[in-house]
Amino acid sequence: MPVTRRYFLKSAGLTLFGAGCVPSFMRRTAFALDSSGRRRRVLVAIFQRGAVDGLNMVIPFAEKDYYWMRPTIAIPEPQTRAATGAGPAAIDLDGFFALHPSLAQMKPLFDARQLAIIHAVGSPNSTRSHFDAQDYMETATPGVKSTEDGWLNRYLAAKPQAEATPFRAVAVAPRMPRTLAGQASSLVIEQIKNFRLLGRPDPPPFQPATPAAEELAFEEMYASSRDPLFAGAAAETFEAIRTLRHIGAENYQPANGAEYPHGKLGQDLQQVAQLIKADVGLEVAFSNVGGWDNHVNEGGVEGQMANNLKDLGDALAAFHKDLGDRMEDVVVLTMSEFGRTARENGNRGTDHGHANAMLVLGGRVKGGKVSGDWPGLKPGQLNEDRDLAMTTDFRDVFAEVIVRHLGAEDTAAVFPEFTVAPERFRGFIA
């Protein structure tokens, strides 16, 4: 994608400063509603970069082959350790699948049917390259390297909103993710409390500008640009700064006793919750978290992956608790570029595999079950005799979310060269 001045300004996560009046678009009640008058629905996409081991996140404990292929990292069956009191074990979901014990906070949400799981989901492309697979998933064009824009950006462009605020699409990240890159306007915010223009730390004594005066000077400078795209992007950015100042980004207190973990994902989701409750017009939010590429010492009930899953489960549970009734309008979707090998390797880890598992959380989610056709782990059932085989194309999951949750109609623009067919939807959105 060519790096235009507009793209640079919007993707750089500019840190700006100053004080100003409440912007004109701060009509919160209006922005809490969509064009049909109902409360605006929100999608939160979470990318687990590095390829999470879906077979240890959502464990097929009834498959005996799972245990002989993973002699040191398999998660003990639910009844085994629970019966003997020997320690943590998998958390039974339906007699076949179980959650990793680090995801214990997700079990009540599964029981309440607000958490759905799609297993054996993945890409039709067989690449084992992290970079290629992430690009293919973020653009939703498997096998096509030339796609420049992301699938969520194409959704935004295909469904324009005349009254959209700068916060319609927000990536809580240090830079613009491919998922949101493209024609439609998106905002990058790494820390909303720091989203301001840094003033000169040591201004010259002959030019003692106040922060407000400097902000005004910068805004006037950008507004005078002859490039309408650059001037427009600058205006949106300054408008966003004033909005964040107005909602009191630095003093946010989660509701209902929610306690976010201190890791990156927990802090990202806390900021997303703040934007949702502030009714600033958020429709799509994006966060990503790494640390899932565990070729060595992956661990079982304890270890690297267990720690990462603990952060994931605790962050999602806190987000759900914090939003309370607002979860009725929110769907959280997790994804990862591919899965891991079914067999553990010689370093007590796993290598790059194929199909994986996705989590879908929300008030309108028809959860409480693991969806998807299970391909099995027996010889002859594995992809290339080494990985979980794919039975659900990830684009069908993406499509069900934007059609049934966000109300997308023009899916051809979002998924080029892929025909969306509701009969292939897994039915996890009401």
Foldseek 3Di string as FASTA:
>chain_A
DDCDLLQCLQWQLAQADAADDQDPLLPQVVLLADPVGHGFFAEEEEEAAQFFAQCQAKPQQVFPVLCVLQVFAAFADPCVCVVVVPDDGFADQDVGIGGQVLLVLCNVQQVVQQKEKAFLEFAPAFDLDRVLLQLCQQQVPRPDPPDQAGLVLLLCVLPDDPSAALQQEEELDSGDDRNNDDDDHHHYHVALVRRHHDDDPDDDPVDPDDSHRVVVVVLVVQCPDPPVSSNVSSVRSVSSNNLSVVLPSPDDDFPQPQDADPDSLLNQLSVVLSCSVSSNNYHYYYYYDYQRNDLAFCHHSDDRSSVVSNNVSSSVSSSCSRNPVVLQSYKYKYDYSAHWWSGRDPRSHTGRAHIRMMMIGGDQFSHSYHFFDFQGLDQVSADVRIHGHHGHYVVQVVVCCCCQRVNRDPCCSSNPPDDHDVVRRRRGGD
